[in-house]
């Protein structure tokens, strides 16, 4: 998403150079896509942070989960009656 929005923003900024679009409407669209690009980059940073936390959390939680399940299996194997 970030790449798409940034790409549109870049292309919008180039339009006056090729005389494809200019004027107030272009300036408004360019400002809008500039804001969208900044917001998309902020969202990308948050998403990368969450992904990193999940990756490192899984590395920490995985062995503890396995140990707990192994202990539960040992308890399940004991006859309680």
PDB file of N, CA and C in Angstrom:
ATOM      1  N   UNK A   1       0.829  -1.167   0.000  1.00  0.00           N
ATOM      2  CA  UNK A   1       0.000   0.000   0.000  1.00  0.00           C
ATOM      3  C   UNK A   1       0.884   1.245   0.000  1.00  0.00           C
ATOM      4  N   UNK A   2       1.889   1.217   0.834  1.00  0.00           N
ATOM      5  CA  UNK A   2       2.789   2.372   0.924  1.00  0.00           C
ATOM      6  C   UNK A   2       3.454   2.655  -0.419  1.00  0.00           C
ATOM      7  N   UNK A   3       3.937   1.607  -1.078  1.00  0.00           N
ATOM      8  CA  UNK A   3       4.590   1.794  -2.380  1.00  0.00           C
ATOM      9  C   UNK A   3       3.622   2.360  -3.416  1.00  0.00           C
ATOM     10  N   UNK A   4       2.379   1.865  -3.401  1.00  0.00           N
ATOM     11  CA  UNK A   4       1.385   2.340  -4.370  1.00  0.00           C
ATOM     12  C   UNK A   4       1.088   3.820  -4.169  1.00  0.00           C
ATOM     13  N   UNK A   5       0.850   4.211  -2.923  1.00  0.00           N
ATOM     14  CA  UNK A   5       0.523   5.613  -2.648  1.00  0.00           C
ATOM     15  C   UNK A   5       1.713   6.512  -2.958  1.00  0.00           C
ATOM     16  N   UNK A   6       2.892   6.086  -2.568  1.00  0.00           N
ATOM     17  CA  UNK A   6       4.089   6.878  -2.840  1.00  0.00           C
ATOM     18  C   UNK A   6       4.324   6.996  -4.345  1.00  0.00           C
ATOM     19  N   UNK A   7       4.057   5.916  -5.081  1.00  0.00           N
ATOM     20  CA  UNK A   7       4.197   5.953  -6.538  1.00  0.00           C
ATOM     21  C   UNK A   7       3.241   6.945  -7.178  1.00  0.00           C
ATOM     22  N   UNK A   8       1.992   6.954  -6.722  1.00  0.00           N
ATOM     23  CA  UNK A   8       1.011   7.911  -7.244  1.00  0.00           C
ATOM     24  C   UNK A   8       1.452   9.331  -6.909  1.00  0.00           C
ATOM     25  N   UNK A   9       1.910   9.527  -5.685  1.00  0.00           N
ATOM     26  CA  UNK A   9       2.384  10.854  -5.273  1.00  0.00           C
ATOM     27  C   UNK A   9       3.533  11.312  -6.171  1.00  0.00           C
ATOM     28  N   UNK A  10       4.490  10.430  -6.423  1.00  0.00           N
ATOM     29  CA  UNK A  10       5.626  10.778  -7.287  1.00  0.00           C
ATOM     30  C   UNK A  10       5.165  11.143  -8.697  1.00  0.00           C
ATOM     31  N   UNK A  11       4.256  10.342  -9.247  1.00  0.00           N
ATOM     32  CA  UNK A  11       3.767  10.611 -10.602  1.00  0.00           C
ATOM     33  C   UNK A  11       3.002  11.927 -10.662  1.00  0.00           C
ATOM     34  N   UNK A  12       2.220  12.205  -9.635  1.00  0.00           N
ATOM     35  CA  UNK A  12       1.485  13.478  -9.578  1.00  0.00           C
ATOM     36  C   UNK A  12       2.451  14.655  -9.588  1.00  0.00           C
ATOM     37  N   UNK A  13       3.537  14.513  -8.851  1.00  0.00           N
ATOM     38  CA  UNK A  13       4.522  15.595  -8.793  1.00  0.00           C
ATOM     39  C   UNK A  13       5.211  15.816 -10.140  1.00  0.00           C
ATOM     40  N   UNK A  14       5.299  14.765 -10.972  1.00  0.00           N
ATOM     41  CA  UNK A  14       5.960  14.876 -12.274  1.00  0.00           C
ATOM     42  C   UNK A  14       5.050  15.437 -13.368  1.00  0.00           C
ATOM     43  N   UNK A  15       3.753  15.429 -13.153  1.00  0.00           N
ATOM     44  CA  UNK A  15       2.823  15.826 -14.213  1.00  0.00           C
ATOM     45  C   UNK A  15       3.071  17.224 -14.783  1.00  0.00           C
ATOM     46  N   UNK A  16       3.341  18.243 -13.970  1.00  0.00           N
ATOM     47  CA  UNK A  16       3.597  19.561 -14.569  1.00  0.00           C
ATOM     48  C   UNK A  16       4.827  19.559 -15.483  1.00  0.00           C
ATOM     49  N   UNK A  17       5.810  18.732 -15.170  1.00  0.00           N
ATOM     50  CA  UNK A  17       7.029  18.674 -15.985  1.00  0.00           C
ATOM     51  C   UNK A  17       6.728  18.207 -17.401  1.00  0.00           C
ATOM     52  N   UNK A  18       5.787  17.262 -17.532  1.00  0.00           N
ATOM     53  CA  UNK A  18       5.440  16.740 -18.860  1.00  0.00           C
ATOM     54  C   UNK A  18       4.212  17.446 -19.431  1.00  0.00           C
ATOM     55  N   UNK A  19       3.769  18.478 -18.737  1.00  0.00           N
ATOM     56  CA  UNK A  19       2.611  19.279 -19.135  1.00  0.00           C
ATOM     57  C   UNK A  19       1.347  18.433 -19.272  1.00  0.00           C
ATOM     58  N   UNK A  20       1.241  17.398 -18.426  1.00  0.00           N
ATOM     59  CA  UNK A  20       0.062  16.540 -18.451  1.00  0.00           C
ATOM     60  C   UNK A  20      -1.067  17.114 -17.603  1.00  0.00           C
ATOM     61  N   UNK A  21      -0.713  17.801 -16.527  1.00  0.00           N
ATOM     62  CA  UNK A  21      -1.738  18.334 -15.633  1.00  0.00           C
ATOM     63  C   UNK A  21      -1.094  19.389 -14.764  1.00  0.00           C
ATOM     64  N   UNK A  22      -1.744  20.527 -14.628  1.00  0.00           N
ATOM     65  CA  UNK A  22      -1.224  21.570 -13.748  1.00  0.00           C
ATOM     66  C   UNK A  22      -2.387  22.429 -13.277  1.00  0.00           C
ATOM     67  N   UNK A  23      -2.102  23.355 -12.410  1.00  0.00           N
ATOM     68  CA  UNK A  23      -3.133  24.249 -11.901  1.00  0.00           C
ATOM     69  C   UNK A  23      -3.569  23.882 -10.498  1.00  0.00           C
ATOM     70  N   UNK A  24      -4.660  24.533 -10.063  1.00  0.00           N
ATOM     71  CA  UNK A  24      -5.123  24.354  -8.680  1.00  0.00           C
ATOM     72  C   UNK A  24      -5.569  22.924  -8.396  1.00  0.00           C
ATOM     73  N   UNK A  25      -6.240  22.292  -9.354  1.00  0.00           N
ATOM     74  CA  UNK A  25      -6.681  20.907  -9.137  1.00  0.00           C
ATOM     75  C   UNK A  25      -5.478  19.987  -8.955  1.00  0.00           C
ATOM     76  N   UNK A  26      -4.439  20.209  -9.768  1.00  0.00           N
ATOM     77  CA  UNK A  26      -3.230  19.405  -9.632  1.00  0.00           C
ATOM     78  C   UNK A  26      -2.576  19.641  -8.281  1.00  0.00           C
ATOM     79  N   UNK A  27      -2.507  20.895  -7.870  1.00  0.00           N
ATOM     80  CA  UNK A  27      -1.899  21.215  -6.573  1.00  0.00           C
ATOM     81  C   UNK A  27      -2.667  20.562  -5.436  1.00  0.00           C
ATOM     82  N   UNK A  28      -4.003  20.570  -5.517  1.00  0.00           N
ATOM     83  CA  UNK A  28      -4.820  19.939  -4.476  1.00  0.00           C
ATOM     84  C   UNK A  28      -4.608  18.428  -4.463  1.00  0.00           C
ATOM     85  N   UNK A  29      -4.596  17.816  -5.648  1.00  0.00           N
ATOM     86  CA  UNK A  29      -4.374  16.367  -5.723  1.00  0.00           C
ATOM     87  C   UNK A  29      -2.980  16.013  -5.231  1.00  0.00           C
ATOM     88  N   UNK A  30      -2.008  16.814  -5.603  1.00  0.00           N
ATOM     89  CA  UNK A  30      -0.638  16.568  -5.172  1.00  0.00           C
ATOM     90  C   UNK A  30      -0.521  16.659  -3.653  1.00  0.00           C
ATOM     91  N   UNK A  31      -1.171  17.652  -3.064  1.00  0.00           N
ATOM     92  CA  UNK A  31      -1.155  17.785  -1.599  1.00  0.00           C
ATOM     93  C   UNK A  31      -1.842  16.594  -0.945  1.00  0.00           C
ATOM     94  N   UNK A  32      -2.973  16.157  -1.534  1.00  0.00           N
ATOM     95  CA  UNK A  32      -3.706  15.020  -0.977  1.00  0.00           C
ATOM     96  C   UNK A  32      -2.847  13.754  -1.015  1.00  0.00           C
ATOM     97  N   UNK A  33      -2.223  13.478  -2.168  1.00  0.00           N
ATOM     98  CA  UNK A  33      -1.399  12.276  -2.259  1.00  0.00           C
ATOM     99  C   UNK A  33      -0.133  12.398  -1.421  1.00  0.00           C
ATOM    100  N   UNK A  34       0.360  13.603  -1.221  1.00  0.00           N
ATOM    101  CA  UNK A  34       1.493  13.798  -0.317  1.00  0.00           C
ATOM    102  C   UNK A  34       1.129  13.415   1.108  1.00  0.00           C
ATOM    103  N   UNK A  35      -0.063  13.862   1.553  1.00  0.00           N
ATOM    104  CA  UNK A  35      -0.536  13.482   2.902  1.00  0.00           C
ATOM    105  C   UNK A  35      -0.746  11.975   2.985  1.00  0.00           C
ATOM    106  N   UNK A  36      -1.371  11.407   1.951  1.00  0.00           N
ATOM    107  CA  UNK A  36      -1.623   9.960   1.944  1.00  0.00           C
ATOM    108  C   UNK A  36      -0.313   9.185   1.979  1.00  0.00           C
ATOM    109  N   UNK A  37       0.674   9.668   1.261  1.00  0.00           N
ATOM    110  CA  UNK A  37       1.977   9.003   1.245  1.00  0.00           C
ATOM    111  C   UNK A  37       2.615   9.026   2.631  1.00  0.00           C
ATOM    112  N   UNK A  38       2.576  10.168   3.291  1.00  0.00           N
ATOM    113  CA  UNK A  38       3.147  10.256   4.650  1.00  0.00           C
ATOM    114  C   UNK A  38       2.402   9.337   5.612  1.00  0.00           C
ATOM    115  N   UNK A  39       1.075   9.302   5.510  1.00  0.00           N
ATOM    116  CA  UNK A  39       0.288   8.438   6.390  1.00  0.00           C
ATOM    117  C   UNK A  39       0.559   6.968   6.099  1.00  0.00           C
ATOM    118  N   UNK A  40       0.700   6.616   4.822  1.00  0.00           N
ATOM    119  CA  UNK A  40       0.994   5.230   4.466  1.00  0.00           C
ATOM    120  C   UNK A  40       2.362   4.815   4.996  1.00  0.00           C
ATOM    121  N   UNK A  41       3.334   5.709   4.924  1.00  0.00           N
ATOM    122  CA  UNK A  41       4.664   5.393   5.458  1.00  0.00           C
ATOM    123  C   UNK A  41       4.628   5.236   6.978  1.00  0.00           C
ATOM    124  N   UNK A  42       3.820   6.044   7.654  1.00  0.00           N
ATOM    125  CA  UNK A  42       3.657   5.906   9.104  1.00  0.00           C
ATOM    126  C   UNK A  42       3.015   4.564   9.432  1.00  0.00           C
ATOM    127  N   UNK A  43       1.962   4.207   8.671  1.00  0.00           N
ATOM    128  CA  UNK A  43       1.296   2.922   8.873  1.00  0.00           C
ATOM    129  C   UNK A  43       2.261   1.771   8.617  1.00  0.00           C
ATOM    130  N   UNK A  44       3.080   1.894   7.581  1.00  0.00           N
ATOM    131  CA  UNK A  44       4.070   0.868   7.274  1.00  0.00           C
ATOM    132  C   UNK A  44       5.033   0.677   8.444  1.00  0.00           C
ATOM    133  N   UNK A  45       5.471   1.760   9.046  1.00  0.00           N
ATOM    134  CA  UNK A  45       6.381   1.665  10.194  1.00  0.00           C
ATOM    135  C   UNK A  45       5.706   0.956  11.365  1.00  0.00           C
ATOM    136  N   UNK A  46       4.436   1.291  11.632  1.00  0.00           N
ATOM    137  CA  UNK A  46       3.704   0.609  12.704  1.00  0.00           C
ATOM    138  C   UNK A  46       3.542  -0.878  12.393  1.00  0.00           C
ATOM    139  N   UNK A  47       3.161  -1.197  11.161  1.00  0.00           N
ATOM    140  CA  UNK A  47       2.962  -2.600  10.777  1.00  0.00           C
ATOM    141  C   UNK A  47       4.264  -3.386  10.896  1.00  0.00           C
ATOM    142  N   UNK A  48       5.369  -2.781  10.479  1.00  0.00           N
ATOM    143  CA  UNK A  48       6.666  -3.451  10.623  1.00  0.00           C
ATOM    144  C   UNK A  48       7.014  -3.665  12.090  1.00  0.00           C
ATOM    145  N   UNK A  49       6.684  -2.704  12.942  1.00  0.00           N
ATOM    146  CA  UNK A  49       6.923  -2.851  14.377  1.00  0.00           C
ATOM    147  C   UNK A  49       6.112  -3.983  14.979  1.00  0.00           C
ATOM    148  N   UNK A  50       4.839  -4.073  14.595  1.00  0.00           N
ATOM    149  CA  UNK A  50       3.979  -5.156  15.092  1.00  0.00           C
ATOM    150  C   UNK A  50       4.499  -6.502  14.593  1.00  0.00           C
ATOM    151  N   UNK A  51       4.867  -6.576  13.324  1.00  0.00           N
ATOM    152  CA  UNK A  51       5.390  -7.828  12.770  1.00  0.00           C
ATOM    153  C   UNK A  51       6.653  -8.263  13.502  1.00  0.00           C
ATOM    154  N   UNK A  52       7.519  -7.321  13.787  1.00  0.00           N
ATOM    155  CA  UNK A  52       8.749  -7.637  14.513  1.00  0.00           C
ATOM    156  C   UNK A  52       8.444  -8.140  15.921  1.00  0.00           C
ATOM    157  N   UNK A  53       7.505  -7.484  16.595  1.00  0.00           N
ATOM    158  CA  UNK A  53       7.129  -7.911  17.950  1.00  0.00           C
ATOM    159  C   UNK A  53       6.527  -9.309  17.928  1.00  0.00           C
ATOM    160  N   UNK A  54       5.708  -9.596  16.922  1.00  0.00           N
ATOM    161  CA  UNK A  54       5.112 -10.931  16.825  1.00  0.00           C
ATOM    162  C   UNK A  54       6.178 -11.985  16.553  1.00  0.00           C
ATOM    163  N   UNK A  55       7.138 -11.658  15.681  1.00  0.00           N
ATOM    164  CA  UNK A  55       8.208 -12.615  15.387  1.00  0.00           C
ATOM    165  C   UNK A  55       9.026 -12.916  16.635  1.00  0.00           C
ATOM    166  N   UNK A  56       9.475 -11.885  17.333  1.00  0.00           N
ATOM    167  CA  UNK A  56      10.308 -12.117  18.513  1.00  0.00           C
ATOM    168  C   UNK A  56       9.486 -12.709  19.646  1.00  0.00           C
ATOM    169  N   UNK A  57       8.215 -12.319  19.739  1.00  0.00           N
ATOM    170  CA  UNK A  57       7.341 -12.894  20.762  1.00  0.00           C
ATOM    171  C   UNK A  57       7.113 -14.375  20.532  1.00  0.00           C
ATOM    172  N   UNK A  58       6.945 -14.773  19.278  1.00  0.00           N
ATOM    173  CA  UNK A  58       6.738 -16.185  18.955  1.00  0.00           C
ATOM    174  C   UNK A  58       7.973 -16.997  19.325  1.00  0.00           C
ATOM    175  N   UNK A  59       9.148 -16.415  19.111  1.00  0.00           N
ATOM    176  CA  UNK A  59      10.381 -17.111  19.478  1.00  0.00           C
ATOM    177  C   UNK A  59      10.463 -17.326  20.982  1.00  0.00           C
ATOM    178  N   UNK A  60       9.941 -16.386  21.757  1.00  0.00           N
ATOM    179  CA  UNK A  60       9.965 -16.493  23.212  1.00  0.00           C
ATOM    180  C   UNK A  60       8.848 -17.393  23.720  1.00  0.00           C
ATOM    181  N   UNK A  61       7.662 -17.229  23.166  1.00  0.00           N
ATOM    182  CA  UNK A  61       6.494 -17.971  23.644  1.00  0.00           C
ATOM    183  C   UNK A  61       6.523 -19.429  23.199  1.00  0.00           C
ATOM    184  N   UNK A  62       7.066 -19.712  22.021  1.00  0.00           N
ATOM    185  CA  UNK A  62       7.063 -21.071  21.473  1.00  0.00           C
ATOM    186  C   UNK A  62       7.632 -22.124  22.418  1.00  0.00           C
ATOM    187  N   UNK A  63       8.859 -21.957  22.917  1.00  0.00           N
ATOM    188  CA  UNK A  63       9.421 -22.961  23.827  1.00  0.00           C
ATOM    189  C   UNK A  63       8.621 -23.091  25.133  1.00  0.00           C
ATOM    190  N   UNK A  64       8.126 -21.984  25.670  1.00  0.00           N
ATOM    191  CA  UNK A  64       7.330 -22.045  26.901  1.00  0.00           C
ATOM    192  C   UNK A  64       6.033 -22.805  26.649  1.00  0.00           C
ATOM    193  N   UNK A  65       5.419 -22.565  25.497  1.00  0.00           N
ATOM    194  CA  UNK A  65       4.184 -23.268  25.137  1.00  0.00           C
ATOM    195  C   UNK A  65       4.450 -24.773  25.016  1.00  0.00           C
ATOM    196  N   UNK A  66       5.544 -25.138  24.359  1.00  0.00           N
ATOM    197  CA  UNK A  66       5.886 -26.555  24.203  1.00  0.00           C
ATOM    198  C   UNK A  66       6.109 -27.220  25.553  1.00  0.00           C
ATOM    199  N   UNK A  67       6.827 -26.546  26.440  1.00  0.00           N
ATOM    200  CA  UNK A  67       7.078 -27.106  27.773  1.00  0.00           C
ATOM    201  C   UNK A  67       5.775 -27.295  28.532  1.00  0.00           C
ATOM    202  N   UNK A  68       4.878 -26.326  28.443  1.00  0.00           N
ATOM    203  CA  UNK A  68       3.591 -26.423  29.126  1.00  0.00           C
ATOM    204  C   UNK A  68       2.756 -27.569  28.563  1.00  0.00           C
ATOM    205  N   UNK A  69       2.720 -27.707  27.246  1.00  0.00           N
ATOM    206  CA  UNK A  69       1.961 -28.806  26.638  1.00  0.00           C
ATOM    207  C   UNK A  69       2.557 -30.162  26.999  1.00  0.00           C
ATOM    208  N   UNK A  70       3.886 -30.246  27.066  1.00  0.00           N
ATOM    209  CA  UNK A  70       4.532 -31.501  27.474  1.00  0.00           C
ATOM    210  C   UNK A  70       4.174 -31.854  28.911  1.00  0.00           C
ATOM    211  N   UNK A  71       4.162 -30.857  29.792  1.00  0.00           N
ATOM    212  CA  UNK A  71       3.776 -31.102  31.185  1.00  0.00           C
ATOM    213  C   UNK A  71       2.319 -31.542  31.259  1.00  0.00           C
ATOM    214  N   UNK A  72       1.453 -30.937  30.480  1.00  0.00           N
ATOM    215  CA  UNK A  72       0.041 -31.331  30.465  1.00  0.00           C
ATOM    216  C   UNK A  72      -0.110 -32.758  29.958  1.00  0.00           C
ATOM    217  N   UNK A  73       0.662 -33.138  28.948  1.00  0.00           N
ATOM    218  CA  UNK A  73       0.615 -34.516  28.443  1.00  0.00           C
ATOM    219  C   UNK A  73       1.053 -35.505  29.513  1.00  0.00           C
ATOM    220  N   UNK A  74       2.098 -35.152  30.283  1.00  0.00           N
ATOM    221  CA  UNK A  74       2.552 -36.045  31.360  1.00  0.00           C
ATOM    222  C   UNK A  74       1.466 -36.187  32.426  1.00  0.00           C
ATOM    223  N   UNK A  75       0.787 -35.088  32.760  1.00  0.00           N
ATOM    224  CA  UNK A  75      -0.304 -35.156  33.737  1.00  0.00           C
ATOM    225  C   UNK A  75      -1.465 -35.987  33.213  1.00  0.00           C
ATOM    226  N   UNK A  76      -1.768 -35.834  31.932  1.00  0.00           N
ATOM    227  CA  UNK A  76      -2.856 -36.613  31.338  1.00  0.00           C
ATOM    228  C   UNK A  76      -2.555 -38.106  31.349  1.00  0.00           C
ATOM    229  N   UNK A  77      -1.285 -38.477  31.335  1.00  0.00           N
ATOM    230  CA  UNK A  77      -0.906 -39.889  31.312  1.00  0.00           C
ATOM    231  C   UNK A  77      -1.008 -40.544  32.686  1.00  0.00           C
ATOM    232  N   UNK A  78      -1.128 -39.767  33.747  1.00  0.00           N
ATOM    233  CA  UNK A  78      -1.205 -40.307  35.111  1.00  0.00           C
ATOM    234  C   UNK A  78      -2.644 -40.718  35.406  1.00  0.00           C
ATOM    235  N   UNK A  79      -2.830 -41.953  35.887  1.00  0.00           N
ATOM    236  CA  UNK A  79      -4.194 -42.355  36.279  1.00  0.00           C
ATOM    237  C   UNK A  79      -4.564 -41.680  37.611  1.00  0.00           C
ATOM    238  N   UNK A  80      -5.650 -40.927  37.624  1.00  0.00           N
ATOM    239  CA  UNK A  80      -6.057 -40.198  38.822  1.00  0.00           C
ATOM    240  C   UNK A  80      -7.063 -40.954  39.677  1.00  0.00           C
ATOM    241  N   UNK A  81      -7.561 -42.070  39.224  1.00  0.00           N
ATOM    242  CA  UNK A  81      -8.554 -42.785  40.037  1.00  0.00           C
ATOM    243  C   UNK A  81      -8.018 -44.065  40.600  1.00  0.00           C
TER     244      UNK A  81
END
